[in-house]
Structures are given as structure tokens and as C-alpha cells.
């Protein structure tokens, strides 16, 4: 078969374009499912940090997210 016969055969049986549309639809649905799972489930979240029961924090400590917060140094009115 020559090149013209291949073109004529493709035009008689245009399955290729339908297959491309079908595969595009399948990949689009797969991407939407992945996005749905990431948005509406906990699959996209990092694991929660584990609490260490051995570490004790005094209730009088000033802490934010387990980091001790220091008060700013007072500046003395004396200049050296």
C-alpha cells in the first residue's frame, strides 16, 4: 500500500481519534480522583507529630508550639 491508500484507510476507519478522546477522558478522571482524594481526605496531610510523654512542661513556662518564649531584655537607662 502506498501513502494515499493509508490515508484513505484511516479516513474510512477513524478509530484513532476516538481512542485518543477516550484515553484523555480516562486520564482526566484519574487526575480528578487524585485531586478529590487530596482535598477531601487526610491523604494529603503530613502525619501528626507524636507526643513524648517523658518530656514534662511546667504550666508556668511560656511556650508556643513547644518552644520556650523568652521575654525581651530590658534596656538599662545607663549608657556606657
Protein backbone atom coordinates (compact mmCIF):
# COMPACT_ATOMS: atom_id res chain seq x y z
CA UNK A 1 0.00 0.00 0.00
CA UNK A 2 1.15 3.46 -0.75
CA UNK A 3 0.78 6.61 1.23
CA UNK A 4 -2.53 7.57 -0.40
CA UNK A 5 -4.05 4.17 0.41
CA UNK A 6 -3.04 4.58 4.07
CA UNK A 7 -4.76 7.97 4.22
CA UNK A 8 -7.91 6.58 2.63
CA UNK A 9 -7.95 3.63 5.05
CA UNK A 10 -7.54 5.95 8.03
CA UNK A 11 -10.43 8.09 6.83
CA UNK A 12 -12.68 5.05 6.41
CA UNK A 13 -11.93 3.79 9.95
CA UNK A 14 -11.33 6.83 12.17
CA UNK A 15 -10.90 4.82 15.39
CA UNK A 16 -7.68 6.55 16.35
CA UNK A 17 -9.27 9.89 17.21
CA UNK A 18 -11.96 8.19 19.31
CA UNK A 19 -9.30 6.26 21.20
CA UNK A 20 -7.39 9.46 21.93
CA UNK A 21 -10.54 11.09 23.29
CA UNK A 22 -11.27 8.03 25.40
CA UNK A 23 -7.74 7.94 26.88
CA UNK A 24 -7.87 11.68 27.52
CA UNK A 25 -11.13 11.18 29.38
CA UNK A 26 -9.66 8.32 31.43
CA UNK A 27 -6.59 10.38 32.42
CA UNK A 28 -8.78 13.38 33.23
CA UNK A 29 -10.97 11.29 35.53
CA UNK A 30 -7.88 9.82 37.21
CA UNK A 31 -6.49 13.30 37.89
CA UNK A 32 -9.86 14.45 39.28
CA UNK A 33 -9.99 11.42 41.59
CA UNK A 34 -6.47 12.15 42.86
CA UNK A 35 -7.37 15.80 43.48
CA UNK A 36 -10.59 14.80 45.25
CA UNK A 37 -8.71 12.39 47.50
CA UNK A 38 -6.09 15.03 48.33
CA UNK A 39 -8.68 17.69 49.13
CA UNK A 40 -11.39 15.79 50.97
CA UNK A 41 -9.42 13.10 52.82
CA UNK A 42 -6.38 13.13 55.07
CA UNK A 43 -4.17 11.57 52.39
CA UNK A 44 -2.62 14.94 51.51
CA UNK A 45 -1.73 15.88 55.10
CA UNK A 46 1.59 15.12 56.76
CA UNK A 47 1.45 12.73 59.71
CA UNK A 48 0.78 14.29 63.10
CA UNK A 49 3.81 14.63 65.38
CA UNK A 50 3.99 12.09 68.18
CA UNK A 51 3.79 13.35 71.73
CA UNK A 52 6.68 12.43 74.01
CA UNK A 53 5.25 11.51 77.44
CA UNK A 54 8.70 11.64 79.06
CA UNK A 55 9.05 15.37 78.46
CA UNK A 56 7.24 17.39 81.06
CA UNK A 57 6.40 21.05 80.59
CA UNK A 58 5.77 23.22 83.61
CA UNK A 59 2.46 25.10 83.44
CA UNK A 60 4.30 28.32 84.30
CA UNK A 61 6.58 28.06 81.26
CA UNK A 62 5.78 30.42 78.44
CA UNK A 63 5.80 28.20 75.35
CA UNK A 64 4.42 28.35 71.86
CA UNK A 65 4.35 25.07 69.94
CA UNK A 66 6.77 23.52 72.43
CA UNK A 67 9.33 26.33 72.00
CA UNK A 68 10.19 28.37 75.05
CA UNK A 69 9.41 32.05 74.61
CA UNK A 70 11.84 34.42 76.29
CA UNK A 71 10.92 37.89 77.40
CA UNK A 72 12.94 40.66 75.75
CA UNK A 73 15.94 42.02 77.58
CA UNK A 74 15.27 45.19 79.45
CA UNK A 75 17.39 48.06 78.27
CA UNK A 76 19.05 49.96 81.06
CA UNK A 77 18.81 53.74 81.01
CA UNK A 78 22.56 53.95 81.60
CA UNK A 79 24.69 54.35 78.52
CA UNK A 80 28.28 53.24 78.58
